[in-house]
C-alpha atoms as a PDB file:
ATOM      1  CA  MET A   1     -26.013 -41.319   4.589  1.00  0.00           C
ATOM      2  CA  LYS A   2     -27.244 -40.264   1.137  1.00  0.00           C
ATOM      3  CA  ILE A   3     -27.586 -36.571   2.210  1.00  0.00           C
ATOM      4  CA  LEU A   4     -23.996 -36.631   3.614  1.00  0.00           C
ATOM      5  CA  LYS A   5     -22.657 -38.040   0.257  1.00  0.00           C
ATOM      6  CA  ARG A   6     -24.437 -35.276  -1.613  1.00  0.00           C
ATOM      7  CA  ILE A   7     -23.077 -32.591   0.694  1.00  0.00           C
ATOM      8  CA  ILE A   8     -19.567 -33.887   0.274  1.00  0.00           C
ATOM      9  CA  LEU A   9     -20.007 -34.037  -3.474  1.00  0.00           C
ATOM     10  CA  VAL A  10     -21.341 -30.517  -3.675  1.00  0.00           C
ATOM     11  CA  LEU A  11     -18.448 -29.298  -1.445  1.00  0.00           C
ATOM     12  CA  ALA A  12     -15.877 -31.083  -3.549  1.00  0.00           C
ATOM     13  CA  SER A  13     -17.323 -29.696  -6.768  1.00  0.00           C
ATOM     14  CA  ILE A  14     -17.218 -26.104  -5.324  1.00  0.00           C
ATOM     15  CA  LEU A  15     -13.625 -26.675  -4.268  1.00  0.00           C
ATOM     16  CA  ILE A  16     -12.600 -28.029  -7.683  1.00  0.00           C
ATOM     17  CA  LEU A  17     -14.378 -25.142  -9.397  1.00  0.00           C
ATOM     18  CA  TRP A  18     -12.572 -22.648  -7.030  1.00  0.00           C
ATOM     19  CA  MET A  19      -9.164 -24.229  -7.859  1.00  0.00           C
ATOM     20  CA  VAL A  20      -9.771 -24.190 -11.667  1.00  0.00           C
ATOM     21  CA  VAL A  21     -10.962 -20.620 -11.687  1.00  0.00           C
ATOM     22  CA  ALA A  22      -8.063 -19.514  -9.491  1.00  0.00           C
ATOM     23  CA  ALA A  23      -5.590 -20.990 -11.979  1.00  0.00           C
ATOM     24  CA  PHE A  24      -6.835 -18.469 -14.559  1.00  0.00           C
ATOM     25  CA  VAL A  25      -6.796 -15.432 -12.376  1.00  0.00           C
ATOM     26  CA  SER A  26      -3.524 -13.523 -12.190  1.00  0.00           C
ATOM     27  CA  GLY A  27      -2.241 -12.951  -8.639  1.00  0.00           C
ATOM     28  CA  ASP A  28      -0.748  -9.552  -9.595  1.00  0.00           C
ATOM     29  CA  CYS A  29      -2.152  -6.687  -7.690  1.00  0.00           C
ATOM     30  CA  VAL A  30      -1.404  -3.104  -8.731  1.00  0.00           C
ATOM     31  CA  TYR A  31      -2.780   0.148  -7.584  1.00  0.00           C
ATOM     32  CA  GLU A  32      -1.791   3.847  -7.989  1.00  0.00           C
ATOM     33  CA  LYS A  33      -3.228   7.269  -7.540  1.00  0.00           C
ATOM     34  CA  SER A  34      -1.853  10.654  -8.632  1.00  0.00           C
ATOM     35  CA  ILE A  35      -2.475  14.338  -7.747  1.00  0.00           C
ATOM     36  CA  ALA A  36      -1.365  17.661  -9.269  1.00  0.00           C
ATOM     37  CA  ILE A  37       0.520  19.869  -6.821  1.00  0.00           C
ATOM     38  CA  ASN A  38       1.147  23.590  -7.201  1.00  0.00           C
ATOM     39  CA  ALA A  39       4.687  23.366  -5.906  1.00  0.00           C
ATOM     40  CA  PRO A  40       8.025  22.614  -7.617  1.00  0.00           C
ATOM     41  CA  ALA A  41       8.981  18.890  -7.811  1.00  0.00           C
ATOM     42  CA  GLU A  42      12.005  19.472  -5.485  1.00  0.00           C
ATOM     43  CA  LYS A  43       9.737  20.849  -2.752  1.00  0.00           C
ATOM     44  CA  VAL A  44       7.257  17.851  -3.104  1.00  0.00           C
ATOM     45  CA  TRP A  45      10.225  15.453  -3.109  1.00  0.00           C
ATOM     46  CA  GLN A  46      11.241  16.818   0.291  1.00  0.00           C
ATOM     47  CA  GLN A  47       7.784  15.562   1.715  1.00  0.00           C
ATOM     48  CA  THR A  48       8.227  12.043   0.147  1.00  0.00           C
ATOM     49  CA  ASN A  49      11.860  11.160   0.219  1.00  0.00           C
ATOM     50  CA  THR A  50      11.941   9.519   3.599  1.00  0.00           C
ATOM     51  CA  LEU A  51       9.610   7.424   5.733  1.00  0.00           C
ATOM     52  CA  ARG A  52       9.608  10.088   8.404  1.00  0.00           C
ATOM     53  CA  ALA A  53       8.465  12.628   5.777  1.00  0.00           C
ATOM     54  CA  MET A  54       5.760  10.320   4.413  1.00  0.00           C
ATOM     55  CA  ASP A  55       4.562   9.736   7.974  1.00  0.00           C
ATOM     56  CA  GLN A  56       3.544  13.335   8.190  1.00  0.00           C
ATOM     57  CA  TRP A  57       0.802  12.841   5.481  1.00  0.00           C
ATOM     58  CA  SER A  58      -0.015   9.184   6.019  1.00  0.00           C
ATOM     59  CA  PRO A  59      -3.776   8.668   6.175  1.00  0.00           C
ATOM     60  CA  TRP A  60      -3.181   5.499   8.294  1.00  0.00           C
ATOM     61  CA  ASN A  61      -2.019   7.408  11.326  1.00  0.00           C
ATOM     62  CA  ASP A  62      -5.680   8.313  11.651  1.00  0.00           C
ATOM     63  CA  LEU A  63      -6.506   4.681  12.475  1.00  0.00           C
ATOM     64  CA  ASP A  64      -4.582   4.880  15.733  1.00  0.00           C
ATOM     65  CA  PRO A  65      -2.964   8.159  16.601  1.00  0.00           C
ATOM     66  CA  GLY A  66      -1.362   6.424  19.609  1.00  0.00           C
ATOM     67  CA  MET A  67       0.203   3.466  17.744  1.00  0.00           C
ATOM     68  CA  LYS A  68       3.792   2.558  18.764  1.00  0.00           C
ATOM     69  CA  LYS A  69       6.351   3.199  16.157  1.00  0.00           C
ATOM     70  CA  ASP A  70       9.990   2.087  16.081  1.00  0.00           C
ATOM     71  CA  TRP A  71      12.338   3.794  13.682  1.00  0.00           C
ATOM     72  CA  THR A  72      15.632   2.321  12.659  1.00  0.00           C
ATOM     73  CA  GLY A  73      18.290   2.851   9.943  1.00  0.00           C
ATOM     74  CA  THR A  74      19.491   6.052   8.328  1.00  0.00           C
ATOM     75  CA  THR A  75      16.697   8.489   7.397  1.00  0.00           C
ATOM     76  CA  GLY A  76      16.177   8.746   3.650  1.00  0.00           C
ATOM     77  CA  GLN A  77      18.501   5.803   2.816  1.00  0.00           C
ATOM     78  CA  PRO A  78      17.894   2.160   1.872  1.00  0.00           C
ATOM     79  CA  GLY A  79      17.452   0.389   5.191  1.00  0.00           C
ATOM     80  CA  GLU A  80      15.476   3.144   6.867  1.00  0.00           C
ATOM     81  CA  LYS A  81      12.662   1.280   8.563  1.00  0.00           C
ATOM     82  CA  VAL A  82       9.602   1.915  10.672  1.00  0.00           C
ATOM     83  CA  CYS A  83       7.734  -0.837  12.438  1.00  0.00           C
ATOM     84  CA  TRP A  84       4.310  -0.109  13.922  1.00  0.00           C
ATOM     85  CA  ASP A  85       2.195  -1.868  16.447  1.00  0.00           C
ATOM     86  CA  SER A  86      -1.363  -1.024  17.275  1.00  0.00           C
ATOM     87  CA  GLU A  87      -3.886  -2.679  19.570  1.00  0.00           C
ATOM     88  CA  LYS A  88      -6.573  -1.621  17.005  1.00  0.00           C
ATOM     89  CA  ASP A  89      -7.151  -4.216  14.298  1.00  0.00           C
ATOM     90  CA  ALA A  90      -7.518  -1.516  11.627  1.00  0.00           C
ATOM     91  CA  ALA A  91      -3.975  -0.333  12.063  1.00  0.00           C
ATOM     92  CA  GLY A  92      -2.526  -3.743  12.885  1.00  0.00           C
ATOM     93  CA  LYS A  93       1.190  -4.406  13.063  1.00  0.00           C
ATOM     94  CA  GLY A  94       3.930  -4.525  10.484  1.00  0.00           C
ATOM     95  CA  CYS A  95       7.020  -2.841   9.047  1.00  0.00           C
ATOM     96  CA  GLN A  96       7.937  -0.614   6.095  1.00  0.00           C
ATOM     97  CA  GLU A  97      11.478  -0.455   4.834  1.00  0.00           C
ATOM     98  CA  VAL A  98      13.161   1.787   2.197  1.00  0.00           C
ATOM     99  CA  LYS A  99      14.611  -0.349  -0.563  1.00  0.00           C
ATOM    100  CA  LYS A 100      15.596   2.316  -3.137  1.00  0.00           C
ATOM    101  CA  VAL A 101      15.853   6.114  -3.226  1.00  0.00           C
ATOM    102  CA  ASP A 102      16.409   7.663  -6.619  1.00  0.00           C
ATOM    103  CA  ALA A 103      16.846  11.459  -5.898  1.00  0.00           C
ATOM    104  CA  ALA A 104      17.516  12.331  -9.514  1.00  0.00           C
ATOM    105  CA  GLY A 105      14.370  10.605 -10.664  1.00  0.00           C
ATOM    106  CA  LYS A 106      12.465  11.616  -7.493  1.00  0.00           C
ATOM    107  CA  ARG A 107      11.346   8.100  -6.728  1.00  0.00           C
ATOM    108  CA  ILE A 108      11.297   6.183  -3.463  1.00  0.00           C
ATOM    109  CA  GLU A 109      10.580   2.446  -3.213  1.00  0.00           C
ATOM    110  CA  THR A 110       9.634   0.585  -0.005  1.00  0.00           C
ATOM    111  CA  GLU A 111       8.676  -2.879   1.094  1.00  0.00           C
ATOM    112  CA  ILE A 112       5.736  -3.249   3.516  1.00  0.00           C
ATOM    113  CA  LYS A 113       5.124  -6.291   5.606  1.00  0.00           C
ATOM    114  CA  PHE A 114       1.799  -6.569   7.257  1.00  0.00           C
ATOM    115  CA  LEU A 115       1.870  -8.990  10.291  1.00  0.00           C
ATOM    116  CA  THR A 116      -1.692  -8.441  11.631  1.00  0.00           C
ATOM    117  CA  PRO A 117      -4.604  -8.406  11.182  1.00  0.00           C
ATOM    118  CA  TYR A 118      -3.370 -10.687   8.370  1.00  0.00           C
ATOM    119  CA  GLU A 119       0.045 -11.447   6.892  1.00  0.00           C
ATOM    120  CA  SER A 120       0.811  -9.977   3.458  1.00  0.00           C
ATOM    121  CA  GLU A 121       3.495  -8.024   1.702  1.00  0.00           C
ATOM    122  CA  ALA A 122       3.607  -5.135  -0.876  1.00  0.00           C
ATOM    123  CA  ASN A 123       6.126  -3.046  -2.639  1.00  0.00           C
ATOM    124  CA  ALA A 124       5.123   0.640  -2.403  1.00  0.00           C
ATOM    125  CA  TYR A 125       6.448   3.728  -4.287  1.00  0.00           C
ATOM    126  CA  VAL A 126       6.073   7.515  -4.519  1.00  0.00           C
ATOM    127  CA  LYS A 127       7.342   9.293  -7.566  1.00  0.00           C
ATOM    128  CA  ILE A 128       7.353  13.017  -8.259  1.00  0.00           C
ATOM    129  CA  VAL A 129       7.591  14.542 -11.678  1.00  0.00           C
ATOM    130  CA  PRO A 130       7.471  18.107 -12.854  1.00  0.00           C
ATOM    131  CA  GLU A 131       4.129  19.114 -14.487  1.00  0.00           C
ATOM    132  CA  GLY A 132       3.594  22.640 -15.900  1.00  0.00           C
ATOM    133  CA  ASN A 133       4.444  25.122 -13.196  1.00  0.00           C
ATOM    134  CA  GLY A 134       4.031  22.470 -10.498  1.00  0.00           C
ATOM    135  CA  SER A 135       4.414  18.727 -10.138  1.00  0.00           C
ATOM    136  CA  LYS A 136       2.566  15.481 -10.063  1.00  0.00           C
ATOM    137  CA  ALA A 137       2.838  13.022  -7.299  1.00  0.00           C
ATOM    138  CA  THR A 138       1.983   9.310  -7.893  1.00  0.00           C
ATOM    139  CA  TRP A 139       1.614   6.918  -5.004  1.00  0.00           C
ATOM    140  CA  GLY A 140       1.209   3.264  -5.625  1.00  0.00           C
ATOM    141  CA  PHE A 141       1.971  -0.327  -4.768  1.00  0.00           C
ATOM    142  CA  THR A 142       2.288  -3.803  -6.278  1.00  0.00           C
ATOM    143  CA  SER A 143       1.526  -7.075  -4.539  1.00  0.00           C
ATOM    144  CA  LYS A 144       1.001 -10.710  -5.241  1.00  0.00           C
ATOM    145  CA  ILE A 145      -2.037 -12.689  -4.155  1.00  0.00           C
ATOM    146  CA  PRO A 146      -1.092 -16.302  -3.626  1.00  0.00           C
ATOM    147  CA  TYR A 147      -2.915 -19.144  -5.464  1.00  0.00           C
ATOM    148  CA  PRO A 148      -5.766 -20.168  -4.874  1.00  0.00           C
ATOM    149  CA  PHE A 149      -6.781 -16.845  -3.204  1.00  0.00           C
ATOM    150  CA  THR A 150      -6.486 -15.214  -6.576  1.00  0.00           C
ATOM    151  CA  VAL A 151     -10.238 -15.786  -7.016  1.00  0.00           C
ATOM    152  CA  MET A 152     -10.664 -13.034  -4.473  1.00  0.00           C
ATOM    153  CA  LYS A 153      -9.674 -10.487  -7.137  1.00  0.00           C
ATOM    154  CA  LEU A 154     -12.852 -11.140  -8.971  1.00  0.00           C
ATOM    155  CA  PHE A 155     -14.724  -9.652  -5.902  1.00  0.00           C
ATOM    156  CA  MET A 156     -12.253  -6.855  -5.023  1.00  0.00           C
ATOM    157  CA  ASN A 157     -12.458  -3.202  -6.120  1.00  0.00           C
ATOM    158  CA  MET A 158      -9.193  -1.550  -5.153  1.00  0.00           C
ATOM    159  CA  GLU A 159     -10.612   1.977  -5.532  1.00  0.00           C
ATOM    160  CA  ASP A 160     -13.338   1.111  -3.006  1.00  0.00           C
ATOM    161  CA  ALA A 161     -10.932  -0.637  -0.789  1.00  0.00           C
ATOM    162  CA  ILE A 162      -8.201   1.982  -0.536  1.00  0.00           C
ATOM    163  CA  GLY A 163      -8.939   4.784  -2.943  1.00  0.00           C
ATOM    164  CA  LYS A 164     -10.201   7.112  -0.192  1.00  0.00           C
ATOM    165  CA  ASP A 165      -7.113   6.525   1.916  1.00  0.00           C
ATOM    166  CA  TYR A 166      -4.854   7.142  -1.021  1.00  0.00           C
ATOM    167  CA  GLN A 167      -6.806  10.377  -1.868  1.00  0.00           C
ATOM    168  CA  LYS A 168      -6.636  11.546   1.739  1.00  0.00           C
ATOM    169  CA  GLY A 169      -2.907  11.037   1.852  1.00  0.00           C
ATOM    170  CA  LEU A 170      -2.220  12.693  -1.478  1.00  0.00           C
ATOM    171  CA  SER A 171      -4.411  15.645  -0.466  1.00  0.00           C
ATOM    172  CA  ARG A 172      -2.391  16.022   2.716  1.00  0.00           C
ATOM    173  CA  LEU A 173       0.807  15.788   0.749  1.00  0.00           C
ATOM    174  CA  LYS A 174      -0.424  18.525  -1.586  1.00  0.00           C
ATOM    175  CA  GLU A 175      -1.452  20.816   1.365  1.00  0.00           C
ATOM    176  CA  LEU A 176       1.962  20.319   3.009  1.00  0.00           C
ATOM    177  CA  SER A 177       3.859  20.943  -0.293  1.00  0.00           C
ATOM    178  CA  GLU A 178       1.854  24.038  -1.228  1.00  0.00           C
ATOM    179  CA  LYS A 179       2.495  25.816   2.152  1.00  0.00           C
ATOM    180  CA  SER A 180       4.732  28.845   1.688  1.00  0.00           C
END
């Protein structure tokens, strides 16, 4: 009985420590990556201003080239939506919807809802700005990690987690945009 009480006391202490630390860790999660492209901003914008265009360079299509996709809404307008469903856990299931398109500012904002392998949400964006004789594309997202899971941020490295995927996608965008 003494051992059981000690085990319960240790577990309760760990839980209390976890909850206290979590209270001091922000749940805000932000990541972005950029690439210089030797093409005019307008040309790059054509590769990023709709979900269908972004699908052409998405690195996540590699996870399951045969995943089922369902497209709805008007292409390039708020409400354009793609939902995907894959039997492969790496690709999972979810939906991405265009929330805002700023053609003048060359920025598109979307909301992503992941349903599997775990539920989460993020707000993603792609923005294109002129830079020298070409342009710069920035792809990023913001998300919120709920309390008490904020502690996980202490053990996460976003660059290690998704940096390679973002680099692959941006490199594909660059290649598509620089084609004559």
